[in-house]
N, C-alpha and C. Protein backbone atom coordinates (compact mmCIF):
# COMPACT_ATOMS: atom_id res chain seq x y z
N UNK A 1 16.66 45.62 0.05
CA UNK A 1 17.35 45.99 -1.16
C UNK A 1 17.83 44.75 -1.94
N UNK A 2 18.17 43.70 -1.23
CA UNK A 2 18.67 42.50 -1.89
C UNK A 2 17.60 41.85 -2.76
N UNK A 3 16.34 42.12 -2.48
CA UNK A 3 15.24 41.54 -3.26
C UNK A 3 14.62 42.53 -4.24
N UNK A 4 15.22 43.68 -4.36
CA UNK A 4 14.69 44.73 -5.23
C UNK A 4 14.70 44.28 -6.69
N UNK A 5 13.79 44.81 -7.46
CA UNK A 5 13.78 44.55 -8.90
C UNK A 5 14.83 45.43 -9.59
N UNK A 6 15.30 46.44 -8.90
CA UNK A 6 16.28 47.38 -9.43
C UNK A 6 17.69 46.83 -9.25
N UNK A 7 18.42 46.70 -10.34
CA UNK A 7 19.77 46.13 -10.31
C UNK A 7 20.70 46.95 -9.41
N UNK A 8 20.64 48.26 -9.53
CA UNK A 8 21.52 49.12 -8.73
C UNK A 8 21.25 48.94 -7.24
N UNK A 9 20.01 48.76 -6.86
CA UNK A 9 19.69 48.55 -5.45
C UNK A 9 20.24 47.21 -4.95
N UNK A 10 20.19 46.20 -5.80
CA UNK A 10 20.77 44.91 -5.42
C UNK A 10 22.28 45.03 -5.27
N UNK A 11 22.90 45.82 -6.13
CA UNK A 11 24.34 46.04 -6.02
C UNK A 11 24.67 46.80 -4.72
N UNK A 12 23.87 47.78 -4.40
CA UNK A 12 24.07 48.52 -3.15
C UNK A 12 23.94 47.58 -1.96
N UNK A 13 23.01 46.66 -2.03
CA UNK A 13 22.84 45.68 -0.95
C UNK A 13 24.12 44.86 -0.78
N UNK A 14 24.75 44.49 -1.87
CA UNK A 14 26.00 43.73 -1.79
C UNK A 14 27.10 44.57 -1.16
N UNK A 15 27.20 45.83 -1.57
CA UNK A 15 28.20 46.72 -0.95
C UNK A 15 27.98 46.82 0.56
N UNK A 16 26.72 46.93 0.96
CA UNK A 16 26.43 47.03 2.40
C UNK A 16 26.80 45.74 3.13
N UNK A 17 26.53 44.60 2.50
CA UNK A 17 26.93 43.33 3.10
C UNK A 17 28.45 43.29 3.24
N UNK A 18 29.14 43.64 2.18
CA UNK A 18 30.61 43.61 2.19
C UNK A 18 31.17 44.53 3.28
N UNK A 19 30.62 45.73 3.39
CA UNK A 19 31.17 46.73 4.30
C UNK A 19 30.81 46.50 5.76
N UNK A 20 29.75 45.74 6.03
CA UNK A 20 29.31 45.59 7.42
C UNK A 20 29.34 44.16 7.93
N UNK A 21 29.62 43.19 7.09
CA UNK A 21 29.47 41.79 7.47
C UNK A 21 30.29 41.44 8.72
N UNK A 22 31.50 41.90 8.78
CA UNK A 22 32.38 41.51 9.89
C UNK A 22 31.88 42.01 11.24
N UNK A 23 31.07 43.06 11.26
CA UNK A 23 30.63 43.62 12.54
C UNK A 23 29.18 43.25 12.89
N UNK A 24 28.52 42.52 12.02
CA UNK A 24 27.14 42.13 12.29
C UNK A 24 27.10 41.07 13.38
N UNK A 25 26.18 41.22 14.33
CA UNK A 25 25.99 40.20 15.36
C UNK A 25 25.35 38.95 14.76
N UNK A 26 24.33 39.16 13.96
CA UNK A 26 23.63 38.05 13.32
C UNK A 26 23.91 38.10 11.83
N UNK A 27 24.79 37.25 11.38
CA UNK A 27 25.20 37.27 9.99
C UNK A 27 24.29 36.42 9.09
N UNK A 28 23.34 35.72 9.69
CA UNK A 28 22.52 34.78 8.94
C UNK A 28 21.76 35.45 7.79
N UNK A 29 21.06 36.53 8.04
CA UNK A 29 20.26 37.18 7.00
C UNK A 29 21.16 37.76 5.91
N UNK A 30 22.26 38.36 6.30
CA UNK A 30 23.19 38.91 5.31
C UNK A 30 23.74 37.80 4.43
N UNK A 31 24.09 36.67 5.06
CA UNK A 31 24.59 35.53 4.29
C UNK A 31 23.52 35.03 3.32
N UNK A 32 22.29 34.89 3.79
CA UNK A 32 21.20 34.41 2.92
C UNK A 32 20.97 35.36 1.74
N UNK A 33 21.05 36.66 2.01
CA UNK A 33 20.88 37.64 0.93
C UNK A 33 22.01 37.51 -0.09
N UNK A 34 23.24 37.41 0.39
CA UNK A 34 24.37 37.28 -0.53
C UNK A 34 24.28 35.99 -1.32
N UNK A 35 23.93 34.92 -0.66
CA UNK A 35 23.78 33.62 -1.34
C UNK A 35 22.75 33.72 -2.47
N UNK A 36 21.66 34.41 -2.23
CA UNK A 36 20.63 34.59 -3.26
C UNK A 36 21.18 35.46 -4.40
N UNK A 37 21.93 36.50 -4.06
CA UNK A 37 22.46 37.41 -5.09
C UNK A 37 23.54 36.76 -5.94
N UNK A 38 24.20 35.76 -5.41
CA UNK A 38 25.19 35.01 -6.18
C UNK A 38 24.53 34.34 -7.38
N UNK A 39 23.25 34.06 -7.26
CA UNK A 39 22.51 33.38 -8.32
C UNK A 39 21.68 34.36 -9.16
N UNK A 40 21.92 35.64 -9.00
CA UNK A 40 21.14 36.67 -9.70
C UNK A 40 21.27 36.52 -11.21
N UNK A 41 20.24 36.94 -11.93
CA UNK A 41 20.26 36.84 -13.39
C UNK A 41 21.17 37.89 -14.03
N UNK A 42 21.45 38.97 -13.31
CA UNK A 42 22.29 40.05 -13.83
C UNK A 42 23.77 39.77 -13.59
N UNK A 43 24.55 39.86 -14.64
CA UNK A 43 25.98 39.60 -14.56
C UNK A 43 26.65 40.54 -13.57
N UNK A 44 26.29 41.83 -13.61
CA UNK A 44 26.93 42.80 -12.71
C UNK A 44 26.74 42.43 -11.26
N UNK A 45 25.57 41.91 -10.95
CA UNK A 45 25.27 41.51 -9.57
C UNK A 45 26.07 40.28 -9.18
N UNK A 46 26.11 39.28 -10.05
CA UNK A 46 26.87 38.06 -9.75
C UNK A 46 28.36 38.36 -9.60
N UNK A 47 28.89 39.22 -10.46
CA UNK A 47 30.31 39.57 -10.40
C UNK A 47 30.64 40.23 -9.07
N UNK A 48 29.84 41.17 -8.66
CA UNK A 48 30.06 41.85 -7.38
C UNK A 48 29.87 40.90 -6.21
N UNK A 49 28.90 40.02 -6.31
CA UNK A 49 28.66 39.03 -5.25
C UNK A 49 29.85 38.08 -5.13
N UNK A 50 30.43 37.67 -6.25
CA UNK A 50 31.60 36.78 -6.22
C UNK A 50 32.77 37.47 -5.52
N UNK A 51 33.04 38.70 -5.90
CA UNK A 51 34.13 39.45 -5.26
C UNK A 51 33.89 39.63 -3.77
N UNK A 52 32.66 39.93 -3.42
CA UNK A 52 32.31 40.13 -2.02
C UNK A 52 32.47 38.85 -1.22
N UNK A 53 32.11 37.74 -1.82
CA UNK A 53 32.24 36.46 -1.13
C UNK A 53 33.69 36.20 -0.72
N UNK A 54 34.62 36.53 -1.59
CA UNK A 54 36.02 36.39 -1.22
C UNK A 54 36.42 37.32 -0.10
N UNK A 55 35.91 38.53 -0.14
CA UNK A 55 36.24 39.53 0.87
C UNK A 55 35.75 39.15 2.26
N UNK A 56 34.54 38.58 2.33
CA UNK A 56 33.95 38.29 3.65
C UNK A 56 34.10 36.85 4.09
N UNK A 57 34.70 36.00 3.26
CA UNK A 57 34.72 34.56 3.55
C UNK A 57 35.23 34.25 4.95
N UNK A 58 36.26 34.92 5.39
CA UNK A 58 36.84 34.62 6.70
C UNK A 58 35.86 34.89 7.84
N UNK A 59 34.86 35.74 7.60
CA UNK A 59 33.88 36.07 8.63
C UNK A 59 32.56 35.31 8.51
N UNK A 60 32.45 34.49 7.48
CA UNK A 60 31.23 33.69 7.32
C UNK A 60 31.23 32.62 8.40
N UNK A 61 30.12 32.43 9.09
CA UNK A 61 30.07 31.37 10.11
C UNK A 61 30.40 30.01 9.49
N UNK A 62 31.10 29.18 10.27
CA UNK A 62 31.55 27.88 9.76
C UNK A 62 30.43 27.04 9.15
N UNK A 63 29.22 27.14 9.69
CA UNK A 63 28.13 26.31 9.16
C UNK A 63 27.72 26.72 7.74
N UNK A 64 28.18 27.89 7.29
CA UNK A 64 27.85 28.34 5.93
C UNK A 64 29.06 28.34 4.99
N UNK A 65 30.23 28.03 5.52
CA UNK A 65 31.44 28.11 4.69
C UNK A 65 31.44 27.08 3.56
N UNK A 66 30.91 25.91 3.80
CA UNK A 66 30.87 24.92 2.71
C UNK A 66 29.98 25.41 1.58
N UNK A 67 28.82 25.97 1.90
CA UNK A 67 27.94 26.50 0.86
C UNK A 67 28.60 27.66 0.13
N UNK A 68 29.30 28.50 0.87
CA UNK A 68 30.00 29.63 0.25
C UNK A 68 31.07 29.12 -0.72
N UNK A 69 31.79 28.09 -0.29
CA UNK A 69 32.81 27.50 -1.17
C UNK A 69 32.16 26.93 -2.43
N UNK A 70 31.06 26.20 -2.25
CA UNK A 70 30.35 25.63 -3.39
C UNK A 70 29.83 26.72 -4.32
N UNK A 71 29.39 27.84 -3.74
CA UNK A 71 28.95 28.97 -4.57
C UNK A 71 30.11 29.49 -5.42
N UNK A 72 31.28 29.60 -4.83
CA UNK A 72 32.44 30.07 -5.59
C UNK A 72 32.78 29.11 -6.72
N UNK A 73 32.73 27.83 -6.43
CA UNK A 73 33.01 26.83 -7.48
C UNK A 73 32.00 26.96 -8.62
N UNK A 74 30.73 27.16 -8.28
CA UNK A 74 29.72 27.31 -9.35
C UNK A 74 29.95 28.59 -10.14
N UNK A 75 30.38 29.66 -9.47
CA UNK A 75 30.63 30.92 -10.17
C UNK A 75 31.84 30.84 -11.08
N UNK A 76 32.77 29.94 -10.78
CA UNK A 76 33.92 29.73 -11.67
C UNK A 76 33.44 29.30 -13.05
N UNK A 77 32.28 28.65 -13.10
CA UNK A 77 31.75 28.14 -14.37
C UNK A 77 30.64 29.03 -14.93
N UNK A 78 30.55 30.25 -14.43
CA UNK A 78 29.56 31.20 -14.93
C UNK A 78 29.82 31.47 -16.42
N UNK A 79 28.78 31.89 -17.13
CA UNK A 79 28.93 32.15 -18.57
C UNK A 79 29.73 33.44 -18.83
N UNK A 80 29.84 34.30 -17.84
CA UNK A 80 30.56 35.57 -18.00
C UNK A 80 31.98 35.44 -17.48
N UNK A 81 32.95 35.80 -18.30
CA UNK A 81 34.36 35.66 -17.95
C UNK A 81 34.73 36.51 -16.74
N UNK A 82 34.13 37.68 -16.59
CA UNK A 82 34.45 38.53 -15.45
C UNK A 82 33.92 37.97 -14.14
N UNK A 83 32.78 37.30 -14.19
CA UNK A 83 32.27 36.60 -13.01
C UNK A 83 33.22 35.46 -12.67
N UNK A 84 33.67 34.73 -13.68
CA UNK A 84 34.61 33.64 -13.47
C UNK A 84 35.90 34.13 -12.81
N UNK A 85 36.42 35.23 -13.32
CA UNK A 85 37.67 35.78 -12.76
C UNK A 85 37.47 36.25 -11.32
N UNK A 86 36.33 36.91 -11.06
CA UNK A 86 36.05 37.34 -9.69
C UNK A 86 35.95 36.16 -8.74
N UNK A 87 35.31 35.09 -9.20
CA UNK A 87 35.18 33.89 -8.36
C UNK A 87 36.53 33.22 -8.16
N UNK A 88 37.34 33.21 -9.19
CA UNK A 88 38.67 32.61 -9.09
C UNK A 88 39.53 33.37 -8.08
N UNK A 89 39.50 34.68 -8.15
CA UNK A 89 40.23 35.50 -7.18
C UNK A 89 39.71 35.25 -5.76
N UNK A 90 38.39 35.17 -5.64
CA UNK A 90 37.78 34.94 -4.34
C UNK A 90 38.16 33.58 -3.78
N UNK A 91 38.26 32.57 -4.64
CA UNK A 91 38.69 31.24 -4.19
C UNK A 91 40.09 31.30 -3.58
N UNK A 92 40.96 32.04 -4.23
CA UNK A 92 42.32 32.17 -3.72
C UNK A 92 42.35 32.80 -2.34
N UNK A 93 41.51 33.78 -2.13
CA UNK A 93 41.42 34.44 -0.82
C UNK A 93 40.77 33.50 0.19
N UNK A 94 39.72 32.84 -0.21
CA UNK A 94 38.93 32.01 0.71
C UNK A 94 39.67 30.77 1.16
N UNK A 95 40.50 30.19 0.30
CA UNK A 95 41.10 28.90 0.62
C UNK A 95 41.82 28.89 1.97
N UNK A 96 42.52 29.94 2.27
CA UNK A 96 43.27 29.97 3.54
C UNK A 96 42.35 30.07 4.75
N UNK A 97 41.08 30.32 4.53
CA UNK A 97 40.12 30.47 5.63
C UNK A 97 39.10 29.34 5.71
N UNK A 98 39.22 28.34 4.85
CA UNK A 98 38.24 27.26 4.94
C UNK A 98 38.54 26.41 6.17
N UNK A 99 37.50 25.93 6.82
CA UNK A 99 37.72 25.09 8.00
C UNK A 99 38.50 23.83 7.64
N UNK A 100 39.21 23.31 8.59
CA UNK A 100 40.04 22.12 8.38
C UNK A 100 39.26 20.98 7.72
N UNK A 101 38.01 20.80 8.12
CA UNK A 101 37.22 19.69 7.57
C UNK A 101 36.92 19.86 6.08
N UNK A 102 37.08 21.08 5.54
CA UNK A 102 36.84 21.32 4.12
C UNK A 102 38.13 21.41 3.30
N UNK A 103 39.28 21.38 3.96
CA UNK A 103 40.55 21.56 3.25
C UNK A 103 40.76 20.52 2.14
N UNK A 104 40.45 19.27 2.44
CA UNK A 104 40.63 18.22 1.44
C UNK A 104 39.75 18.48 0.22
N UNK A 105 38.48 18.79 0.46
CA UNK A 105 37.57 19.08 -0.65
C UNK A 105 38.02 20.33 -1.40
N UNK A 106 38.45 21.34 -0.67
CA UNK A 106 38.93 22.56 -1.31
C UNK A 106 40.12 22.30 -2.21
N UNK A 107 41.06 21.51 -1.73
CA UNK A 107 42.23 21.16 -2.53
C UNK A 107 41.81 20.38 -3.77
N UNK A 108 40.90 19.44 -3.60
CA UNK A 108 40.40 18.65 -4.72
C UNK A 108 39.76 19.58 -5.77
N UNK A 109 38.93 20.52 -5.31
CA UNK A 109 38.26 21.45 -6.23
C UNK A 109 39.27 22.27 -7.01
N UNK A 110 40.27 22.78 -6.31
CA UNK A 110 41.29 23.59 -6.99
C UNK A 110 42.06 22.73 -7.99
N UNK A 111 42.39 21.51 -7.61
CA UNK A 111 43.07 20.61 -8.54
C UNK A 111 42.22 20.35 -9.79
N UNK A 112 40.93 20.14 -9.61
CA UNK A 112 40.03 19.92 -10.74
C UNK A 112 40.03 21.14 -11.67
N UNK A 113 40.10 22.33 -11.09
CA UNK A 113 40.08 23.55 -11.89
C UNK A 113 41.36 23.72 -12.70
N UNK A 114 42.45 23.09 -12.29
CA UNK A 114 43.68 23.16 -13.09
C UNK A 114 43.51 22.45 -14.42
N UNK A 115 42.44 21.68 -14.55
CA UNK A 115 42.17 20.95 -15.79
C UNK A 115 40.96 21.53 -16.55
N UNK A 116 40.51 22.71 -16.12
CA UNK A 116 39.35 23.35 -16.74
C UNK A 116 39.64 23.69 -18.20
N UNK A 117 38.59 23.78 -19.01
CA UNK A 117 38.77 24.09 -20.44
C UNK A 117 39.14 25.55 -20.67
N UNK A 118 38.84 26.43 -19.69
CA UNK A 118 39.14 27.85 -19.82
C UNK A 118 40.57 28.11 -19.33
N UNK A 119 41.36 28.73 -20.17
CA UNK A 119 42.77 28.99 -19.85
C UNK A 119 42.93 29.87 -18.61
N UNK A 120 42.12 30.90 -18.48
CA UNK A 120 42.23 31.79 -17.32
C UNK A 120 41.91 31.06 -16.02
N UNK A 121 40.92 30.20 -16.05
CA UNK A 121 40.58 29.41 -14.86
C UNK A 121 41.74 28.48 -14.52
N UNK A 122 42.32 27.84 -15.54
CA UNK A 122 43.46 26.94 -15.30
C UNK A 122 44.63 27.70 -14.69
N UNK A 123 44.95 28.87 -15.25
CA UNK A 123 46.07 29.67 -14.74
C UNK A 123 45.84 30.06 -13.28
N UNK A 124 44.66 30.57 -13.01
CA UNK A 124 44.36 31.03 -11.66
C UNK A 124 44.41 29.88 -10.66
N UNK A 125 43.84 28.73 -11.02
CA UNK A 125 43.83 27.59 -10.10
C UNK A 125 45.23 27.03 -9.93
N UNK A 126 46.04 27.09 -10.97
CA UNK A 126 47.41 26.62 -10.87
C UNK A 126 48.20 27.52 -9.91
N UNK A 127 47.97 28.82 -9.99
CA UNK A 127 48.62 29.74 -9.07
C UNK A 127 48.21 29.44 -7.62
N UNK A 128 46.92 29.13 -7.41
CA UNK A 128 46.45 28.80 -6.07
C UNK A 128 47.11 27.53 -5.58
N UNK A 129 47.24 26.54 -6.45
CA UNK A 129 47.80 25.27 -6.02
C UNK A 129 49.29 25.38 -5.71
N UNK A 130 49.96 26.34 -6.30
CA UNK A 130 51.38 26.55 -6.04
C UNK A 130 51.63 27.44 -4.83
N UNK A 131 50.61 28.16 -4.40
CA UNK A 131 50.78 29.10 -3.27
C UNK A 131 50.87 28.38 -1.95
């Protein structure tokens, strides 16, 4: 479903990833599917993928957490404001779950976002930095 040409089927795939990720024995394929959907051409798919990434971040295997964080940072700069907001919310959720080795980079990224040209991104990142 994650590779379907049908937008609704790709969205259903994201819902299934979100709802089952924590109980999957092998999370690799689900992670790869979500990572691909984060880059989808459809705004609705990217927005849902951004929100899902925040929801499942704590269960993503450590070897993929840096890529997941980088995906969220890239989604913050998406052309669609709703994708940006979803990614910003997801960053706030994810930050407390990033591995210790990524904390410095995560803090740096959030600090950089406090200087973003978009007011909503600045507000959200400022709230994260104060939390």
